[in-house]
Amino acid sequence: MKDKKVLVQDIVDRMKQVVCVSKDVDLAEALGVSRSNPAVWKIRDRIPFAECMAIAEKHGVSLDWLVLGRGVPEIEAPATSAPVPDVCSEKEAAYVELQAFEMPNFLSVDSSQLLARVPAVWIERERLAASEPIAPMAMRYVGNNMAPTIVDGDVLIVDRRPRDVDGVYVMRLGDSIRVKRVQRTHGGALHLINDNPKYETEVIGAAQAEAVEFIGYCFGILRRLG
């Protein structure tokens, strides 16, 4: 029997095939559910039975095929339905979907699962892939300690792979999530710098440096204008 996580992924892929879309967010829109629902199904290993039944009834497909992959789909496509795309359109290929989080709730077990669409070229430039085991993520920044570089409400694009270069990082200190500009010293100490001059630099000695958990390196920002 297939691993349940793989089974749910296969179900979502078949659902997208039936409704003629290639992105999870477009599947959610076609079903009239929250844009984050397909990601939540996969993360929580939840089979979307109600949504599968709705698709099977509307499009005339076998529920056994849709849920279990048995037999053939037997799709009774309406005359106006579009063919199932073999590849993403140019518009779709220009963006990738990342898991996204609200900064204050990042450590919460019940933090809501969101999605952010970002330019694919940003990910490719960092030699990343949204499907990697340690995939990049997005996080909505809250605060003003990094102004004017990063302002309240900005969405940070974060590379979660380990890095040993200086730069802006999302990090965990105790029970809090912070965004700081990090400078490493030869002795092993960390200088946690705020771009806002109203806040002082925090120095973490070499002996305490291991207490700083680096969540990821910030390499991009999405910002709403106006």
Protein backbone atom coordinates (compact mmCIF):
# COMPACT_ATOMS: atom_id res chain seq x y z
CA MET A 1 0.00 0.00 0.00
CA LYS A 2 1.26 3.45 -0.86
CA ASP A 3 2.46 5.79 1.82
CA LYS A 4 -0.47 8.06 2.69
CA LYS A 5 1.54 11.20 1.89
CA VAL A 6 2.28 9.87 -1.61
CA LEU A 7 -1.37 8.80 -1.97
CA VAL A 8 -2.64 12.32 -1.17
CA GLN A 9 -0.14 13.87 -3.60
CA ASP A 10 -1.35 11.49 -6.35
CA ILE A 11 -4.98 12.35 -5.60
CA VAL A 12 -4.28 16.07 -5.85
CA ASP A 13 -2.46 15.50 -9.16
CA ARG A 14 -5.46 13.58 -10.56
CA MET A 15 -7.85 16.27 -9.35
CA LYS A 16 -5.80 18.88 -11.24
CA GLN A 17 -5.82 16.69 -14.33
CA VAL A 18 -9.61 16.48 -14.30
CA VAL A 19 -10.20 20.24 -13.87
CA CYS A 20 -7.46 21.06 -16.40
CA VAL A 21 -5.05 23.00 -14.21
CA SER A 22 -1.43 22.44 -13.22
CA LYS A 23 -1.10 24.48 -10.00
CA ASP A 24 -2.46 23.72 -6.54
CA VAL A 25 -3.71 27.29 -6.16
CA ASP A 26 -5.69 27.00 -9.42
CA LEU A 27 -7.21 23.72 -8.22
CA ALA A 28 -8.35 25.48 -5.04
CA GLU A 29 -9.95 28.26 -7.09
CA ALA A 30 -11.72 25.72 -9.32
CA LEU A 31 -13.12 23.97 -6.23
CA GLY A 32 -14.08 27.22 -4.51
CA VAL A 33 -11.97 26.45 -1.42
CA SER A 34 -9.16 28.30 0.34
CA ARG A 35 -6.02 28.66 -1.76
CA SER A 36 -4.03 26.89 0.96
CA ASN A 37 -6.29 23.80 1.14
CA PRO A 38 -4.34 21.54 -1.27
CA ALA A 39 -1.11 22.25 0.65
CA VAL A 40 -2.89 21.51 3.94
CA TRP A 41 -4.21 18.19 2.57
CA LYS A 42 -0.68 17.13 1.68
CA ILE A 43 0.96 18.40 4.85
CA ARG A 44 -1.63 16.76 7.10
CA ASP A 45 -2.01 13.64 4.93
CA ARG A 46 -5.77 14.25 4.67
CA ILE A 47 -7.66 12.71 1.75
CA PRO A 48 -10.18 15.30 0.45
CA PHE A 49 -13.12 12.91 0.05
CA ALA A 50 -15.81 15.61 -0.20
CA GLU A 51 -13.93 17.49 -2.91
CA CYS A 52 -13.21 14.26 -4.81
CA MET A 53 -16.89 13.33 -4.77
CA ALA A 54 -17.81 16.78 -6.08
CA ILE A 55 -15.30 16.49 -8.93
CA ALA A 56 -16.38 12.94 -9.79
CA GLU A 57 -20.04 13.97 -9.97
CA LYS A 58 -19.42 17.16 -11.93
CA HIS A 59 -16.98 15.73 -14.48
CA GLY A 60 -18.24 12.17 -14.72
CA VAL A 61 -15.04 10.47 -13.59
CA SER A 62 -14.59 7.27 -11.62
CA LEU A 63 -14.26 7.89 -7.90
CA ASP A 64 -12.14 4.71 -7.62
CA TRP A 65 -9.71 6.17 -10.16
CA LEU A 66 -9.72 9.62 -8.58
CA VAL A 67 -9.07 8.42 -5.01
CA LEU A 68 -7.31 5.07 -5.45
CA GLY A 69 -5.91 5.31 -8.97
CA ARG A 70 -7.75 2.16 -10.05
CA GLY A 71 -9.03 1.60 -13.55
CA VAL A 72 -9.46 4.45 -16.00
CA PRO A 73 -10.80 7.98 -15.45
CA GLU A 74 -13.64 7.72 -18.01
CA ILE A 75 -13.83 11.50 -18.21
CA GLU A 76 -16.96 12.86 -19.85
CA ALA A 77 -15.49 16.23 -20.67
CA PRO A 78 -17.89 18.95 -21.78
CA ALA A 79 -17.37 20.28 -25.28
CA THR A 80 -16.02 23.57 -23.98
CA SER A 81 -13.51 22.08 -21.56
CA ALA A 82 -9.85 22.82 -22.19
CA PRO A 83 -7.37 19.96 -22.75
CA VAL A 84 -5.23 18.85 -19.84
CA PRO A 85 -1.99 20.85 -20.15
CA ASP A 86 1.15 18.77 -20.62
CA VAL A 87 3.36 21.63 -19.46
CA CYS A 88 2.84 24.85 -17.54
CA SER A 89 1.95 27.90 -19.55
CA GLU A 90 4.55 30.67 -19.78
CA LYS A 91 2.59 32.66 -17.22
CA GLU A 92 2.48 29.78 -14.75
CA ALA A 93 6.13 28.89 -15.30
CA ALA A 94 7.14 32.43 -14.36
CA TYR A 95 6.13 31.83 -10.73
CA VAL A 96 6.56 29.16 -8.07
CA GLU A 97 4.54 28.49 -4.91
CA LEU A 98 6.25 28.53 -1.51
CA GLN A 99 4.92 27.64 1.91
CA ALA A 100 4.36 30.89 3.78
CA PHE A 101 4.09 31.76 7.45
CA GLU A 102 3.16 34.69 9.65
CA MET A 103 6.22 35.66 11.71
CA PRO A 104 4.46 35.85 15.13
CA ASN A 105 2.89 32.40 14.69
CA PHE A 106 5.84 30.57 13.16
CA LEU A 107 6.54 28.50 16.27
CA SER A 108 2.90 27.63 16.86
CA VAL A 109 1.88 24.06 16.13
CA ASP A 110 -1.46 25.36 14.88
CA SER A 111 0.04 28.04 12.62
CA SER A 112 -2.09 28.36 9.49
CA GLN A 113 -0.55 27.09 6.27
CA LEU A 114 -0.38 29.77 3.57
CA LEU A 115 1.05 29.97 0.07
CA ALA A 116 3.07 32.69 -1.63
CA ARG A 117 3.70 32.95 -5.37
CA VAL A 118 7.13 34.38 -6.16
CA PRO A 119 9.06 34.93 -9.41
CA ALA A 120 10.72 31.69 -10.45
CA VAL A 121 13.85 33.57 -11.50
CA TRP A 122 14.46 34.54 -7.85
CA ILE A 123 14.55 30.87 -6.87
CA GLU A 124 16.65 29.83 -9.86
CA ARG A 125 19.16 32.61 -9.21
CA GLU A 126 19.84 31.13 -5.76
CA ARG A 127 20.09 27.63 -7.29
CA LEU A 128 17.07 26.56 -5.31
CA ALA A 129 14.01 24.46 -6.09
CA ALA A 130 10.61 24.70 -4.41
CA SER A 131 10.47 20.89 -4.40
CA GLU A 132 13.76 20.39 -2.50
CA PRO A 133 13.65 18.60 0.88
CA ILE A 134 14.83 21.87 2.47
CA ALA A 135 12.69 24.10 0.29
CA PRO A 136 12.70 27.89 0.49
CA MET A 137 9.80 29.50 2.31
CA ALA A 138 8.11 32.88 2.70
CA MET A 139 7.48 34.76 5.94
CA ARG A 140 5.52 37.95 6.59
CA TYR A 141 7.72 40.26 8.67
CA VAL A 142 6.29 42.08 11.69
CA GLY A 143 8.16 44.93 13.38
CA ASN A 144 10.34 47.94 12.59
CA ASN A 145 13.82 46.97 13.77
CA MET A 146 14.98 46.40 10.18
CA ALA A 147 13.51 49.58 8.66
CA PRO A 148 14.02 51.01 6.12
CA THR A 149 15.47 47.87 4.51
CA ILE A 150 12.53 45.73 5.62
CA VAL A 151 9.27 47.26 6.79
CA ASP A 152 6.26 45.90 8.65
CA GLY A 153 4.18 43.69 6.34
CA ASP A 154 6.98 42.81 3.91
CA VAL A 155 7.10 39.16 2.82
CA LEU A 156 10.59 37.72 3.12
CA ILE A 157 11.80 34.96 0.80
CA VAL A 158 13.98 32.68 2.89
CA ASP A 159 16.60 30.08 1.91
CA ARG A 160 16.53 27.44 4.66
CA ARG A 161 19.78 25.74 3.63
CA PRO A 162 22.69 26.26 6.07
CA ARG A 163 24.87 29.26 5.18
CA ASP A 164 27.98 30.69 6.78
CA VAL A 165 27.94 34.12 5.11
CA ASP A 166 26.97 37.42 6.68
CA GLY A 167 23.60 38.87 5.77
CA VAL A 168 19.97 39.14 6.89
CA TYR A 169 18.61 36.04 8.62
CA VAL A 170 15.43 34.79 10.22
CA MET A 171 16.48 33.25 13.52
CA ARG A 172 15.12 31.82 16.71
CA LEU A 173 16.29 33.08 20.09
CA GLY A 174 14.56 31.23 22.89
CA ASP A 175 10.83 31.42 22.22
CA SER A 176 10.98 34.35 19.80
CA ILE A 177 11.52 34.68 16.06
CA ARG A 178 13.67 37.61 14.97
CA VAL A 179 15.03 39.10 11.78
CA LYS A 180 18.54 40.54 12.08
CA ARG A 181 21.57 41.38 10.00
CA VAL A 182 24.28 38.97 11.12
CA GLN A 183 28.02 39.60 11.24
CA ARG A 184 30.28 36.77 12.37
CA THR A 185 33.60 37.46 14.08
CA HIS A 186 36.79 35.40 13.88
CA GLY A 187 36.39 34.49 17.53
CA GLY A 188 32.97 32.94 16.94
CA ALA A 189 30.82 35.74 18.38
CA LEU A 190 27.76 37.02 16.52
CA HIS A 191 26.81 40.65 16.00
CA LEU A 192 23.02 40.88 15.51
CA ILE A 193 22.49 44.22 13.82
CA ASN A 194 19.25 46.18 13.34
CA ASP A 195 19.11 48.40 10.26
CA ASN A 196 16.91 50.80 12.23
CA PRO A 197 19.40 53.05 14.11
CA LYS A 198 16.95 53.33 17.03
CA TYR A 199 17.86 49.78 18.04
CA GLU A 200 21.26 48.79 19.40
CA THR A 201 23.37 45.94 18.06
CA GLU A 202 23.14 42.77 20.13
CA VAL A 203 26.37 40.83 20.67
CA ILE A 204 26.18 37.08 21.29
CA GLY A 205 29.42 35.69 22.67
CA ALA A 206 31.06 32.63 21.15
CA ALA A 207 30.03 30.52 24.13
CA GLN A 208 26.34 31.39 23.60
CA ALA A 209 26.34 31.41 19.78
CA GLU A 210 24.97 27.87 19.58
CA ALA A 211 21.79 29.10 21.29
CA VAL A 212 20.97 31.03 18.10
CA GLU A 213 19.00 28.82 15.69
CA PHE A 214 19.19 30.11 12.13
CA ILE A 215 15.90 29.49 10.33
CA GLY A 216 17.16 30.80 7.01
CA TYR A 217 18.87 33.45 4.92
CA CYS A 218 16.69 36.25 3.48
CA PHE A 219 17.40 36.82 -0.21
CA GLY A 220 14.23 38.50 -1.45
CA ILE A 221 11.36 40.75 -0.41
CA LEU A 222 7.78 41.12 -1.65
CA ARG A 223 6.29 44.49 -0.77
CA ARG A 224 2.89 46.08 -1.38
CA LEU A 225 3.13 49.59 -2.79
CA GLY A 226 0.96 52.43 -1.62
